[in-house]
């Protein structure tokens, strides 16, 4: 395993630990971090509902998870697969300077913007 793969694995485990602790905190207290963007503007950001989605997903409430944040319901698992591929195999096509990586990054950004605008116009 290359140093870059080890570093990415370490960062992933640290982030996973923080998210796991946040999950336990929410389950114990019922408190979560509000969306500051929504608090200030009254509009939903692309990530609004992400915490609720994860909480529903952890309880196998997939319909409620989808309704909390439809974009991340599908995008989250895809990003997790890409992360596992990057850590396990470090393929060249997942390098940050490769054309497929750049195209996928722009595609995800475009989809996110379309989702953001649509969810505010249609209020979902």
PDB file of N, CA and C in Angstrom:
ATOM      1  N   UNK A   1       0.848  -1.177   0.000  1.00  0.00           N
ATOM      2  CA  UNK A   1       0.000   0.000   0.000  1.00  0.00           C
ATOM      3  C   UNK A   1       0.893   1.239   0.000  1.00  0.00           C
ATOM      4  N   UNK A   2       0.596   2.156  -0.932  1.00  0.00           N
ATOM      5  CA  UNK A   2       1.369   3.392  -1.044  1.00  0.00           C
ATOM      6  C   UNK A   2       1.069   4.317   0.134  1.00  0.00           C
ATOM      7  N   UNK A   3       1.979   5.265   0.344  1.00  0.00           N
ATOM      8  CA  UNK A   3       1.788   6.239   1.424  1.00  0.00           C
ATOM      9  C   UNK A   3       0.499   7.038   1.239  1.00  0.00           C
ATOM     10  N   UNK A   4       0.194   7.377  -0.031  1.00  0.00           N
ATOM     11  CA  UNK A   4      -1.029   8.161  -0.282  1.00  0.00           C
ATOM     12  C   UNK A   4      -2.279   7.353   0.082  1.00  0.00           C
ATOM     13  N   UNK A   5      -2.242   6.039  -0.158  1.00  0.00           N
ATOM     14  CA  UNK A   5      -3.370   5.186   0.206  1.00  0.00           C
ATOM     15  C   UNK A   5      -3.486   5.074   1.726  1.00  0.00           C
ATOM     16  N   UNK A   6      -2.350   4.947   2.396  1.00  0.00           N
ATOM     17  CA  UNK A   6      -2.355   4.872   3.860  1.00  0.00           C
ATOM     18  C   UNK A   6      -2.904   6.159   4.465  1.00  0.00           C
ATOM     19  N   UNK A   7      -2.487   7.288   3.892  1.00  0.00           N
ATOM     20  CA  UNK A   7      -2.957   8.584   4.395  1.00  0.00           C
ATOM     21  C   UNK A   7      -4.467   8.710   4.200  1.00  0.00           C
ATOM     22  N   UNK A   8      -4.956   8.317   3.022  1.00  0.00           N
ATOM     23  CA  UNK A   8      -6.390   8.392   2.743  1.00  0.00           C
ATOM     24  C   UNK A   8      -7.177   7.463   3.664  1.00  0.00           C
ATOM     25  N   UNK A   9      -6.646   6.282   3.924  1.00  0.00           N
ATOM     26  CA  UNK A   9      -7.304   5.346   4.841  1.00  0.00           C
ATOM     27  C   UNK A   9      -7.374   5.937   6.248  1.00  0.00           C
ATOM     28  N   UNK A  10      -6.269   6.518   6.696  1.00  0.00           N
ATOM     29  CA  UNK A  10      -6.231   7.144   8.024  1.00  0.00           C
ATOM     30  C   UNK A  10      -7.255   8.281   8.120  1.00  0.00           C
ATOM     31  N   UNK A  11      -7.287   9.141   7.106  1.00  0.00           N
ATOM     32  CA  UNK A  11      -8.247  10.250   7.091  1.00  0.00           C
ATOM     33  C   UNK A  11      -9.688   9.742   7.077  1.00  0.00           C
ATOM     34  N   UNK A  12      -9.928   8.676   6.330  1.00  0.00           N
ATOM     35  CA  UNK A  12     -11.272   8.082   6.259  1.00  0.00           C
ATOM     36  C   UNK A  12     -11.685   7.520   7.613  1.00  0.00           C
ATOM     37  N   UNK A  13     -10.769   6.844   8.288  1.00  0.00           N
ATOM     38  CA  UNK A  13     -11.078   6.278   9.603  1.00  0.00           C
ATOM     39  C   UNK A  13     -11.326   7.375  10.638  1.00  0.00           C
ATOM     40  N   UNK A  14     -10.546   8.450  10.584  1.00  0.00           N
ATOM     41  CA  UNK A  14     -10.759   9.572  11.503  1.00  0.00           C
ATOM     42  C   UNK A  14     -12.129  10.196  11.253  1.00  0.00           C
ATOM     43  N   UNK A  15     -12.458  10.464   9.993  1.00  0.00           N
ATOM     44  CA  UNK A  15     -13.764  11.042   9.659  1.00  0.00           C
ATOM     45  C   UNK A  15     -14.890  10.094  10.060  1.00  0.00           C
ATOM     46  N   UNK A  16     -14.703   8.796   9.816  1.00  0.00           N
ATOM     47  CA  UNK A  16     -15.703   7.808  10.221  1.00  0.00           C
ATOM     48  C   UNK A  16     -15.905   7.797  11.725  1.00  0.00           C
ATOM     49  N   UNK A  17     -14.827   7.934  12.471  1.00  0.00           N
ATOM     50  CA  UNK A  17     -14.924   7.981  13.932  1.00  0.00           C
ATOM     51  C   UNK A  17     -15.672   9.215  14.407  1.00  0.00           C
ATOM     52  N   UNK A  18     -15.382  10.349  13.787  1.00  0.00           N
ATOM     53  CA  UNK A  18     -16.082  11.591  14.154  1.00  0.00           C
ATOM     54  C   UNK A  18     -17.565  11.470  13.826  1.00  0.00           C
ATOM     55  N   UNK A  19     -17.882  10.958  12.645  1.00  0.00           N
ATOM     56  CA  UNK A  19     -19.289  10.784  12.264  1.00  0.00           C
ATOM     57  C   UNK A  19     -19.995   9.777  13.165  1.00  0.00           C
ATOM     58  N   UNK A  20     -19.285   8.721  13.546  1.00  0.00           N
ATOM     59  CA  UNK A  20     -19.855   7.736  14.468  1.00  0.00           C
ATOM     60  C   UNK A  20     -20.150   8.355  15.827  1.00  0.00           C
ATOM     61  N   UNK A  21     -19.240   9.176  16.317  1.00  0.00           N
ATOM     62  CA  UNK A  21     -19.457   9.852  17.597  1.00  0.00           C
ATOM     63  C   UNK A  21     -20.623  10.832  17.497  1.00  0.00           C
ATOM     64  N   UNK A  22     -20.740  11.518  16.357  1.00  0.00           N
ATOM     65  CA  UNK A  22     -21.850  12.449  16.140  1.00  0.00           C
ATOM     66  C   UNK A  22     -23.178  11.688  16.115  1.00  0.00           C
ATOM     67  N   UNK A  23     -23.191  10.526  15.478  1.00  0.00           N
ATOM     68  CA  UNK A  23     -24.391   9.685  15.439  1.00  0.00           C
ATOM     69  C   UNK A  23     -24.815   9.296  16.862  1.00  0.00           C
ATOM     70  N   UNK A  24     -23.860   8.846  17.670  1.00  0.00           N
ATOM     71  CA  UNK A  24     -24.163   8.458  19.054  1.00  0.00           C
ATOM     72  C   UNK A  24     -24.659   9.672  19.841  1.00  0.00           C
ATOM     73  N   UNK A  25     -24.020  10.830  19.648  1.00  0.00           N
ATOM     74  CA  UNK A  25     -24.431  12.050  20.332  1.00  0.00           C
ATOM     75  C   UNK A  25     -25.886  12.390  20.001  1.00  0.00           C
ATOM     76  N   UNK A  26     -26.233  12.323  18.731  1.00  0.00           N
ATOM     77  CA  UNK A  26     -27.614  12.632  18.316  1.00  0.00           C
ATOM     78  C   UNK A  26     -28.593  11.639  18.918  1.00  0.00           C
ATOM     79  N   UNK A  27     -28.233  10.366  18.889  1.00  0.00           N
ATOM     80  CA  UNK A  27     -29.131   9.336  19.439  1.00  0.00           C
ATOM     81  C   UNK A  27     -29.346   9.533  20.937  1.00  0.00           C
ATOM     82  N   UNK A  28     -28.307   9.950  21.639  1.00  0.00           N
ATOM     83  CA  UNK A  28     -28.416  10.131  23.091  1.00  0.00           C
ATOM     84  C   UNK A  28     -29.111  11.430  23.493  1.00  0.00           C
ATOM     85  N   UNK A  29     -28.867  12.500  22.720  1.00  0.00           N
ATOM     86  CA  UNK A  29     -29.380  13.809  23.129  1.00  0.00           C
ATOM     87  C   UNK A  29     -30.539  14.325  22.282  1.00  0.00           C
ATOM     88  N   UNK A  30     -30.641  13.840  21.050  1.00  0.00           N
ATOM     89  CA  UNK A  30     -31.652  14.363  20.133  1.00  0.00           C
ATOM     90  C   UNK A  30     -31.260  15.705  19.525  1.00  0.00           C
ATOM     91  N   UNK A  31     -30.070  16.179  19.830  1.00  0.00           N
ATOM     92  CA  UNK A  31     -29.586  17.453  19.313  1.00  0.00           C
ATOM     93  C   UNK A  31     -28.714  17.236  18.085  1.00  0.00           C
ATOM     94  N   UNK A  32     -28.840  18.120  17.098  1.00  0.00           N
ATOM     95  CA  UNK A  32     -27.963  18.050  15.932  1.00  0.00           C
ATOM     96  C   UNK A  32     -27.637  19.462  15.467  1.00  0.00           C
ATOM     97  N   UNK A  33     -26.659  19.572  14.609  1.00  0.00           N
ATOM     98  CA  UNK A  33     -26.221  20.865  14.104  1.00  0.00           C
ATOM     99  C   UNK A  33     -27.234  21.338  13.054  1.00  0.00           C
ATOM    100  N   UNK A  34     -27.769  22.555  13.209  1.00  0.00           N
ATOM    101  CA  UNK A  34     -28.716  23.064  12.205  1.00  0.00           C
ATOM    102  C   UNK A  34     -27.983  23.514  10.944  1.00  0.00           C
ATOM    103  N   UNK A  35     -28.724  23.655   9.876  1.00  0.00           N
ATOM    104  CA  UNK A  35     -28.155  24.170   8.625  1.00  0.00           C
ATOM    105  C   UNK A  35     -28.113  25.682   8.727  1.00  0.00           C
ATOM    106  N   UNK A  36     -26.920  26.231   8.810  1.00  0.00           N
ATOM    107  CA  UNK A  36     -26.781  27.675   8.947  1.00  0.00           C
ATOM    108  C   UNK A  36     -27.201  28.402   7.676  1.00  0.00           C
ATOM    109  N   UNK A  37     -26.981  27.777   6.524  1.00  0.00           N
ATOM    110  CA  UNK A  37     -27.410  28.377   5.266  1.00  0.00           C
ATOM    111  C   UNK A  37     -28.924  28.567   5.261  1.00  0.00           C
ATOM    112  N   UNK A  38     -29.648  27.552   5.692  1.00  0.00           N
ATOM    113  CA  UNK A  38     -31.112  27.638   5.730  1.00  0.00           C
ATOM    114  C   UNK A  38     -31.571  28.626   6.798  1.00  0.00           C
ATOM    115  N   UNK A  39     -30.886  28.668   7.908  1.00  0.00           N
ATOM    116  CA  UNK A  39     -31.230  29.614   8.972  1.00  0.00           C
ATOM    117  C   UNK A  39     -31.105  31.061   8.488  1.00  0.00           C
ATOM    118  N   UNK A  40     -30.089  31.334   7.679  1.00  0.00           N
ATOM    119  CA  UNK A  40     -29.830  32.700   7.222  1.00  0.00           C
ATOM    120  C   UNK A  40     -30.691  33.061   6.009  1.00  0.00           C
ATOM    121  N   UNK A  41     -30.800  32.139   5.034  1.00  0.00           N
ATOM    122  CA  UNK A  41     -31.470  32.474   3.771  1.00  0.00           C
ATOM    123  C   UNK A  41     -32.914  31.976   3.683  1.00  0.00           C
ATOM    124  N   UNK A  42     -33.258  30.991   4.474  1.00  0.00           N
ATOM    125  CA  UNK A  42     -34.581  30.383   4.366  1.00  0.00           C
ATOM    126  C   UNK A  42     -34.660  29.338   3.270  1.00  0.00           C
ATOM    127  N   UNK A  43     -33.577  29.166   2.503  1.00  0.00           N
ATOM    128  CA  UNK A  43     -33.530  28.158   1.440  1.00  0.00           C
ATOM    129  C   UNK A  43     -32.752  26.939   1.921  1.00  0.00           C
ATOM    130  N   UNK A  44     -33.054  25.792   1.314  1.00  0.00           N
ATOM    131  CA  UNK A  44     -32.322  24.574   1.648  1.00  0.00           C
ATOM    132  C   UNK A  44     -31.036  24.509   0.829  1.00  0.00           C
ATOM    133  N   UNK A  45     -29.976  24.080   1.482  1.00  0.00           N
ATOM    134  CA  UNK A  45     -28.720  23.855   0.765  1.00  0.00           C
ATOM    135  C   UNK A  45     -28.749  22.422   0.214  1.00  0.00           C
ATOM    136  N   UNK A  46     -27.811  22.048  -0.645  1.00  0.00           N
ATOM    137  CA  UNK A  46     -27.810  20.686  -1.177  1.00  0.00           C
ATOM    138  C   UNK A  46     -27.646  19.618  -0.092  1.00  0.00           C
ATOM    139  N   UNK A  47     -27.069  19.996   1.041  1.00  0.00           N
ATOM    140  CA  UNK A  47     -26.847  19.027   2.119  1.00  0.00           C
ATOM    141  C   UNK A  47     -27.949  18.976   3.159  1.00  0.00           C
ATOM    142  N   UNK A  48     -28.926  19.872   3.056  1.00  0.00           N
ATOM    143  CA  UNK A  48     -30.019  19.869   4.035  1.00  0.00           C
ATOM    144  C   UNK A  48     -30.702  18.501   4.053  1.00  0.00           C
ATOM    145  N   UNK A  49     -30.888  17.998   5.242  1.00  0.00           N
ATOM    146  CA  UNK A  49     -31.507  16.687   5.404  1.00  0.00           C
ATOM    147  C   UNK A  49     -30.512  15.547   5.449  1.00  0.00           C
ATOM    148  N   UNK A  50     -29.233  15.855   5.318  1.00  0.00           N
ATOM    149  CA  UNK A  50     -28.217  14.802   5.296  1.00  0.00           C
ATOM    150  C   UNK A  50     -28.144  14.054   6.631  1.00  0.00           C
ATOM    151  N   UNK A  51     -28.197  14.780   7.726  1.00  0.00           N
ATOM    152  CA  UNK A  51     -28.163  14.122   9.034  1.00  0.00           C
ATOM    153  C   UNK A  51     -29.391  13.247   9.212  1.00  0.00           C
ATOM    154  N   UNK A  52     -30.558  13.784   8.867  1.00  0.00           N
ATOM    155  CA  UNK A  52     -31.789  12.983   8.965  1.00  0.00           C
ATOM    156  C   UNK A  52     -31.710  11.761   8.068  1.00  0.00           C
ATOM    157  N   UNK A  53     -31.173  11.942   6.855  1.00  0.00           N
ATOM    158  CA  UNK A  53     -31.044  10.820   5.936  1.00  0.00           C
ATOM    159  C   UNK A  53     -30.177   9.713   6.546  1.00  0.00           C
ATOM    160  N   UNK A  54     -29.053  10.096   7.123  1.00  0.00           N
ATOM    161  CA  UNK A  54     -28.154   9.108   7.729  1.00  0.00           C
ATOM    162  C   UNK A  54     -28.807   8.412   8.924  1.00  0.00           C
ATOM    163  N   UNK A  55     -29.534   9.169   9.723  1.00  0.00           N
ATOM    164  CA  UNK A  55     -30.218   8.583  10.882  1.00  0.00           C
ATOM    165  C   UNK A  55     -31.283   7.586  10.425  1.00  0.00           C
ATOM    166  N   UNK A  56     -32.060   7.940   9.405  1.00  0.00           N
ATOM    167  CA  UNK A  56     -33.070   7.027   8.864  1.00  0.00           C
ATOM    168  C   UNK A  56     -32.403   5.810   8.226  1.00  0.00           C
ATOM    169  N   UNK A  57     -31.329   6.048   7.501  1.00  0.00           N
ATOM    170  CA  UNK A  57     -30.623   4.961   6.832  1.00  0.00           C
ATOM    171  C   UNK A  57     -30.093   3.952   7.854  1.00  0.00           C
ATOM    172  N   UNK A  58     -29.580   4.454   8.976  1.00  0.00           N
ATOM    173  CA  UNK A  58     -29.034   3.580  10.025  1.00  0.00           C
ATOM    174  C   UNK A  58     -30.131   2.707  10.643  1.00  0.00           C
ATOM    175  N   UNK A  59     -31.382   3.189  10.598  1.00  0.00           N
ATOM    176  CA  UNK A  59     -32.507   2.423  11.147  1.00  0.00           C
ATOM    177  C   UNK A  59     -33.238   1.647  10.056  1.00  0.00           C
ATOM    178  N   UNK A  60     -32.632   1.559   8.848  1.00  0.00           N
ATOM    179  CA  UNK A  60     -33.199   0.851   7.698  1.00  0.00           C
ATOM    180  C   UNK A  60     -34.550   1.427   7.273  1.00  0.00           C
ATOM    181  N   UNK A  61     -34.728   2.722   7.469  1.00  0.00           N
ATOM    182  CA  UNK A  61     -35.930   3.426   7.026  1.00  0.00           C
ATOM    183  C   UNK A  61     -35.589   4.118   5.701  1.00  0.00           C
ATOM    184  N   UNK A  62     -35.520   3.321   4.638  1.00  0.00           N
ATOM    185  CA  UNK A  62     -34.983   3.801   3.376  1.00  0.00           C
ATOM    186  C   UNK A  62     -35.880   4.820   2.676  1.00  0.00           C
ATOM    187  N   UNK A  63     -37.180   4.682   2.786  1.00  0.00           N
ATOM    188  CA  UNK A  63     -38.085   5.655   2.179  1.00  0.00           C
ATOM    189  C   UNK A  63     -37.916   7.024   2.834  1.00  0.00           C
ATOM    190  N   UNK A  64     -37.868   7.038   4.159  1.00  0.00           N
ATOM    191  CA  UNK A  64     -37.677   8.301   4.882  1.00  0.00           C
ATOM    192  C   UNK A  64     -36.289   8.877   4.583  1.00  0.00           C
ATOM    193  N   UNK A  65     -35.285   8.013   4.459  1.00  0.00           N
ATOM    194  CA  UNK A  65     -33.929   8.475   4.132  1.00  0.00           C
ATOM    195  C   UNK A  65     -33.907   9.137   2.759  1.00  0.00           C
ATOM    196  N   UNK A  66     -34.579   8.520   1.802  1.00  0.00           N
ATOM    197  CA  UNK A  66     -34.647   9.093   0.451  1.00  0.00           C
ATOM    198  C   UNK A  66     -35.314  10.463   0.474  1.00  0.00           C
ATOM    199  N   UNK A  67     -36.402  10.587   1.200  1.00  0.00           N
ATOM    200  CA  UNK A  67     -37.135  11.849   1.249  1.00  0.00           C
ATOM    201  C   UNK A  67     -36.361  12.942   1.990  1.00  0.00           C
ATOM    202  N   UNK A  68     -35.487  12.578   2.901  1.00  0.00           N
ATOM    203  CA  UNK A  68     -34.704  13.572   3.638  1.00  0.00           C
ATOM    204  C   UNK A  68     -33.690  14.264   2.726  1.00  0.00           C
ATOM    205  N   UNK A  69     -33.023  13.502   1.853  1.00  0.00           N
ATOM    206  CA  UNK A  69     -32.080  14.079   0.898  1.00  0.00           C
ATOM    207  C   UNK A  69     -31.893  13.096  -0.261  1.00  0.00           C
ATOM    208  N   UNK A  70     -32.719  13.219  -1.308  1.00  0.00           N
ATOM    209  CA  UNK A  70     -32.661  12.281  -2.429  1.00  0.00           C
ATOM    210  C   UNK A  70     -31.309  12.246  -3.139  1.00  0.00           C
ATOM    211  N   UNK A  71     -30.654  13.388  -3.248  1.00  0.00           N
ATOM    212  CA  UNK A  71     -29.364  13.426  -3.942  1.00  0.00           C
ATOM    213  C   UNK A  71     -28.336  12.545  -3.238  1.00  0.00           C
ATOM    214  N   UNK A  72     -28.149  12.764  -1.944  1.00  0.00           N
ATOM    215  CA  UNK A  72     -27.132  12.009  -1.215  1.00  0.00           C
ATOM    216  C   UNK A  72     -27.534  10.556  -0.979  1.00  0.00           C
ATOM    217  N   UNK A  73     -28.826  10.260  -1.060  1.00  0.00           N
ATOM    218  CA  UNK A  73     -29.275   8.874  -0.938  1.00  0.00           C
ATOM    219  C   UNK A  73     -28.608   8.021  -2.019  1.00  0.00           C
ATOM    220  N   UNK A  74     -28.472   8.580  -3.218  1.00  0.00           N
ATOM    221  CA  UNK A  74     -27.825   7.856  -4.314  1.00  0.00           C
ATOM    222  C   UNK A  74     -26.344   8.190  -4.451  1.00  0.00           C
ATOM    223  N   UNK A  75     -26.004   9.449  -4.254  1.00  0.00           N
ATOM    224  CA  UNK A  75     -24.626   9.875  -4.448  1.00  0.00           C
ATOM    225  C   UNK A  75     -23.698   9.365  -3.347  1.00  0.00           C
ATOM    226  N   UNK A  76     -24.196   9.285  -2.117  1.00  0.00           N
ATOM    227  CA  UNK A  76     -23.378   8.823  -0.992  1.00  0.00           C
ATOM    228  C   UNK A  76     -22.763   7.447  -1.208  1.00  0.00           C
ATOM    229  N   UNK A  77     -23.580   6.438  -1.550  1.00  0.00           N
ATOM    230  CA  UNK A  77     -23.002   5.115  -1.800  1.00  0.00           C
ATOM    231  C   UNK A  77     -22.014   5.100  -2.970  1.00  0.00           C
ATOM    232  N   UNK A  78     -22.298   5.876  -4.010  1.00  0.00           N
ATOM    233  CA  UNK A  78     -21.359   5.938  -5.141  1.00  0.00           C
ATOM    234  C   UNK A  78     -20.024   6.537  -4.716  1.00  0.00           C
ATOM    235  N   UNK A  79     -20.086   7.587  -3.915  1.00  0.00           N
ATOM    236  CA  UNK A  79     -18.846   8.195  -3.426  1.00  0.00           C
ATOM    237  C   UNK A  79     -18.097   7.247  -2.491  1.00  0.00           C
ATOM    238  N   UNK A  80     -18.839   6.473  -1.713  1.00  0.00           N
ATOM    239  CA  UNK A  80     -18.200   5.486  -0.830  1.00  0.00           C
ATOM    240  C   UNK A  80     -17.485   4.409  -1.653  1.00  0.00           C
ATOM    241  N   UNK A  81     -18.097   3.972  -2.748  1.00  0.00           N
ATOM    242  CA  UNK A  81     -17.467   2.975  -3.624  1.00  0.00           C
ATOM    243  C   UNK A  81     -16.185   3.542  -4.221  1.00  0.00           C
ATOM    244  N   UNK A  82     -16.236   4.784  -4.676  1.00  0.00           N
ATOM    245  CA  UNK A  82     -15.040   5.427  -5.235  1.00  0.00           C
ATOM    246  C   UNK A  82     -13.948   5.520  -4.175  1.00  0.00           C
ATOM    247  N   UNK A  83     -14.312   5.852  -2.952  1.00  0.00           N
ATOM    248  CA  UNK A  83     -13.344   5.946  -1.856  1.00  0.00           C
ATOM    249  C   UNK A  83     -12.686   4.589  -1.591  1.00  0.00           C
ATOM    250  N   UNK A  84     -13.483   3.534  -1.555  1.00  0.00           N
ATOM    251  CA  UNK A  84     -12.934   2.181  -1.333  1.00  0.00           C
ATOM    252  C   UNK A  84     -11.999   1.803  -2.474  1.00  0.00           C
ATOM    253  N   UNK A  85     -12.385   2.078  -3.706  1.00  0.00           N
ATOM    254  CA  UNK A  85     -11.516   1.782  -4.858  1.00  0.00           C
ATOM    255  C   UNK A  85     -10.200   2.543  -4.762  1.00  0.00           C
ATOM    256  N   UNK A  86     -10.292   3.815  -4.371  1.00  0.00           N
ATOM    257  CA  UNK A  86      -9.087   4.646  -4.254  1.00  0.00           C
ATOM    258  C   UNK A  86      -8.150   4.117  -3.173  1.00  0.00           C
ATOM    259  N   UNK A  87      -8.714   3.710  -2.039  1.00  0.00           N
ATOM    260  CA  UNK A  87      -7.887   3.192  -0.947  1.00  0.00           C
ATOM    261  C   UNK A  87      -7.316   1.819  -1.298  1.00  0.00           C
ATOM    262  N   UNK A  88      -8.140   0.932  -1.827  1.00  0.00           N
ATOM    263  CA  UNK A  88      -7.715  -0.454  -2.064  1.00  0.00           C
ATOM    264  C   UNK A  88      -6.807  -0.603  -3.275  1.00  0.00           C
ATOM    265  N   UNK A  89      -7.121   0.097  -4.379  1.00  0.00           N
ATOM    266  CA  UNK A  89      -6.405  -0.164  -5.626  1.00  0.00           C
ATOM    267  C   UNK A  89      -5.661   1.045  -6.195  1.00  0.00           C
ATOM    268  N   UNK A  90      -6.052   2.256  -5.805  1.00  0.00           N
ATOM    269  CA  UNK A  90      -5.464   3.493  -6.302  1.00  0.00           C
ATOM    270  C   UNK A  90      -5.291   3.490  -7.829  1.00  0.00           C
ATOM    271  N   UNK A  91      -6.411   3.283  -8.563  1.00  0.00           N
ATOM    272  CA  UNK A  91      -6.290   3.251 -10.021  1.00  0.00           C
ATOM    273  C   UNK A  91      -5.942   4.628 -10.587  1.00  0.00           C
ATOM    274  N   UNK A  92      -5.229   4.629 -11.705  1.00  0.00           N
ATOM    275  CA  UNK A  92      -4.794   5.893 -12.312  1.00  0.00           C
ATOM    276  C   UNK A  92      -5.987   6.756 -12.731  1.00  0.00           C
ATOM    277  N   UNK A  93      -7.077   6.116 -13.147  1.00  0.00           N
ATOM    278  CA  UNK A  93      -8.237   6.882 -13.612  1.00  0.00           C
ATOM    279  C   UNK A  93      -8.936   7.620 -12.472  1.00  0.00           C
ATOM    280  N   UNK A  94      -8.562   7.317 -11.209  1.00  0.00           N
ATOM    281  CA  UNK A  94      -9.095   8.062 -10.070  1.00  0.00           C
ATOM    282  C   UNK A  94      -8.114   9.113  -9.561  1.00  0.00           C
ATOM    283  N   UNK A  95      -7.030   9.316 -10.280  1.00  0.00           N
ATOM    284  CA  UNK A  95      -6.079  10.358  -9.908  1.00  0.00           C
ATOM    285  C   UNK A  95      -6.675  11.725 -10.175  1.00  0.00           C
ATOM    286  N   UNK A  96      -6.369  12.684  -9.343  1.00  0.00           N
ATOM    287  CA  UNK A  96      -7.003  14.003  -9.445  1.00  0.00           C
ATOM    288  C   UNK A  96      -6.673  14.733 -10.744  1.00  0.00           C
ATOM    289  N   UNK A  97      -5.651  14.310 -11.465  1.00  0.00           N
ATOM    290  CA  UNK A  97      -5.317  14.974 -12.727  1.00  0.00           C
ATOM    291  C   UNK A  97      -5.839  14.211 -13.947  1.00  0.00           C
ATOM    292  N   UNK A  98      -6.504  13.074 -13.733  1.00  0.00           N
ATOM    293  CA  UNK A  98      -7.003  12.294 -14.868  1.00  0.00           C
ATOM    294  C   UNK A  98      -8.279  12.904 -15.445  1.00  0.00           C
ATOM    295  N   UNK A  99      -8.502  12.689 -16.737  1.00  0.00           N
ATOM    296  CA  UNK A  99      -9.698  13.222 -17.397  1.00  0.00           C
ATOM    297  C   UNK A  99     -10.990  12.631 -16.820  1.00  0.00           C
ATOM    298  N   UNK A 100     -11.063  11.300 -16.568  1.00  0.00           N
ATOM    299  CA  UNK A 100     -12.308  10.766 -15.985  1.00  0.00           C
ATOM    300  C   UNK A 100     -12.627  11.359 -14.620  1.00  0.00           C
ATOM    301  N   UNK A 101     -11.616  11.570 -13.795  1.00  0.00           N
ATOM    302  CA  UNK A 101     -11.822  12.148 -12.467  1.00  0.00           C
ATOM    303  C   UNK A 101     -12.349  13.576 -12.586  1.00  0.00           C
ATOM    304  N   UNK A 102     -11.729  14.361 -13.471  1.00  0.00           N
ATOM    305  CA  UNK A 102     -12.171  15.740 -13.658  1.00  0.00           C
ATOM    306  C   UNK A 102     -13.595  15.788 -14.207  1.00  0.00           C
ATOM    307  N   UNK A 103     -13.898  14.926 -15.175  1.00  0.00           N
ATOM    308  CA  UNK A 103     -15.246  14.895 -15.753  1.00  0.00           C
ATOM    309  C   UNK A 103     -16.271  14.505 -14.701  1.00  0.00           C
ATOM    310  N   UNK A 104     -15.951  13.504 -13.887  1.00  0.00           N
ATOM    311  CA  UNK A 104     -16.876  13.068 -12.833  1.00  0.00           C
ATOM    312  C   UNK A 104     -17.074  14.172 -11.795  1.00  0.00           C
ATOM    313  N   UNK A 105     -16.013  14.875 -11.461  1.00  0.00           N
ATOM    314  CA  UNK A 105     -16.113  15.969 -10.500  1.00  0.00           C
ATOM    315  C   UNK A 105     -17.053  17.064 -11.015  1.00  0.00           C
ATOM    316  N   UNK A 106     -16.902  17.446 -12.273  1.00  0.00           N
ATOM    317  CA  UNK A 106     -17.772  18.460 -12.859  1.00  0.00           C
ATOM    318  C   UNK A 106     -19.212  17.959 -12.962  1.00  0.00           C
ATOM    319  N   UNK A 107     -19.376  16.672 -13.284  1.00  0.00           N
ATOM    320  CA  UNK A 107     -20.719  16.103 -13.376  1.00  0.00           C
ATOM    321  C   UNK A 107     -21.415  16.128 -12.020  1.00  0.00           C
ATOM    322  N   UNK A 108     -20.704  15.729 -10.979  1.00  0.00           N
ATOM    323  CA  UNK A 108     -21.283  15.737  -9.628  1.00  0.00           C
ATOM    324  C   UNK A 108     -21.608  17.165  -9.206  1.00  0.00           C
ATOM    325  N   UNK A 109     -20.736  18.106  -9.508  1.00  0.00           N
ATOM    326  CA  UNK A 109     -20.991  19.507  -9.187  1.00  0.00           C
ATOM    327  C   UNK A 109     -22.238  20.009  -9.922  1.00  0.00           C
ATOM    328  N   UNK A 110     -22.355  19.680 -11.202  1.00  0.00           N
ATOM    329  CA  UNK A 110     -23.520  20.091 -11.985  1.00  0.00           C
ATOM    330  C   UNK A 110     -24.809  19.489 -11.460  1.00  0.00           C
ATOM    331  N   UNK A 111     -24.785  18.210 -11.143  1.00  0.00           N
ATOM    332  CA  UNK A 111     -25.960  17.528 -10.592  1.00  0.00           C
ATOM    333  C   UNK A 111     -26.352  18.150  -9.262  1.00  0.00           C
ATOM    334  N   UNK A 112     -25.361  18.481  -8.456  1.00  0.00           N
ATOM    335  CA  UNK A 112     -25.627  19.089  -7.146  1.00  0.00           C
ATOM    336  C   UNK A 112     -26.287  20.453  -7.301  1.00  0.00           C
ATOM    337  N   UNK A 113     -25.812  21.259  -8.225  1.00  0.00           N
ATOM    338  CA  UNK A 113     -26.397  22.583  -8.447  1.00  0.00           C
ATOM    339  C   UNK A 113     -27.831  22.452  -8.957  1.00  0.00           C
ATOM    340  N   UNK A 114     -28.053  21.544  -9.908  1.00  0.00           N
ATOM    341  CA  UNK A 114     -29.413  21.328 -10.429  1.00  0.00           C
ATOM    342  C   UNK A 114     -30.337  20.866  -9.300  1.00  0.00           C
ATOM    343  N   UNK A 115     -29.867  19.951  -8.472  1.00  0.00           N
ATOM    344  CA  UNK A 115     -30.660  19.472  -7.337  1.00  0.00           C
ATOM    345  C   UNK A 115     -30.967  20.624  -6.382  1.00  0.00           C
ATOM    346  N   UNK A 116     -29.970  21.440  -6.086  1.00  0.00           N
ATOM    347  CA  UNK A 116     -30.124  22.558  -5.153  1.00  0.00           C
ATOM    348  C   UNK A 116     -31.201  23.529  -5.643  1.00  0.00           C
ATOM    349  N   UNK A 117     -31.117  23.921  -6.902  1.00  0.00           N
ATOM    350  CA  UNK A 117     -32.097  24.860  -7.459  1.00  0.00           C
ATOM    351  C   UNK A 117     -33.480  24.213  -7.504  1.00  0.00           C
ATOM    352  N   UNK A 118     -33.552  22.984  -7.969  1.00  0.00           N
ATOM    353  CA  UNK A 118     -34.840  22.279  -8.097  1.00  0.00           C
ATOM    354  C   UNK A 118     -35.514  22.095  -6.757  1.00  0.00           C
ATOM    355  N   UNK A 119     -34.763  21.697  -5.739  1.00  0.00           N
ATOM    356  CA  UNK A 119     -35.397  21.449  -4.435  1.00  0.00           C
ATOM    357  C   UNK A 119     -35.939  22.728  -3.815  1.00  0.00           C
ATOM    358  N   UNK A 120     -35.351  23.865  -4.146  1.00  0.00           N
ATOM    359  CA  UNK A 120     -35.864  25.135  -3.629  1.00  0.00           C
ATOM    360  C   UNK A 120     -37.051  25.655  -4.453  1.00  0.00           C
ATOM    361  N   UNK A 121     -37.033  25.417  -5.759  1.00  0.00           N
ATOM    362  CA  UNK A 121     -38.151  25.839  -6.592  1.00  0.00           C
ATOM    363  C   UNK A 121     -39.397  24.982  -6.344  1.00  0.00           C
ATOM    364  N   UNK A 122     -39.191  23.672  -6.165  1.00  0.00           N
ATOM    365  CA  UNK A 122     -40.313  22.753  -5.969  1.00  0.00           C
ATOM    366  C   UNK A 122     -40.602  22.499  -4.496  1.00  0.00           C
ATOM    367  N   UNK A 123     -39.775  23.057  -3.614  1.00  0.00           N
ATOM    368  CA  UNK A 123     -39.939  22.934  -2.171  1.00  0.00           C
ATOM    369  C   UNK A 123     -40.061  21.488  -1.692  1.00  0.00           C
ATOM    370  N   UNK A 124     -39.002  20.698  -1.981  1.00  0.00           N
ATOM    371  CA  UNK A 124     -38.958  19.326  -1.434  1.00  0.00           C
ATOM    372  C   UNK A 124     -37.690  19.085  -0.674  1.00  0.00           C
TER     373      UNK A 124
END
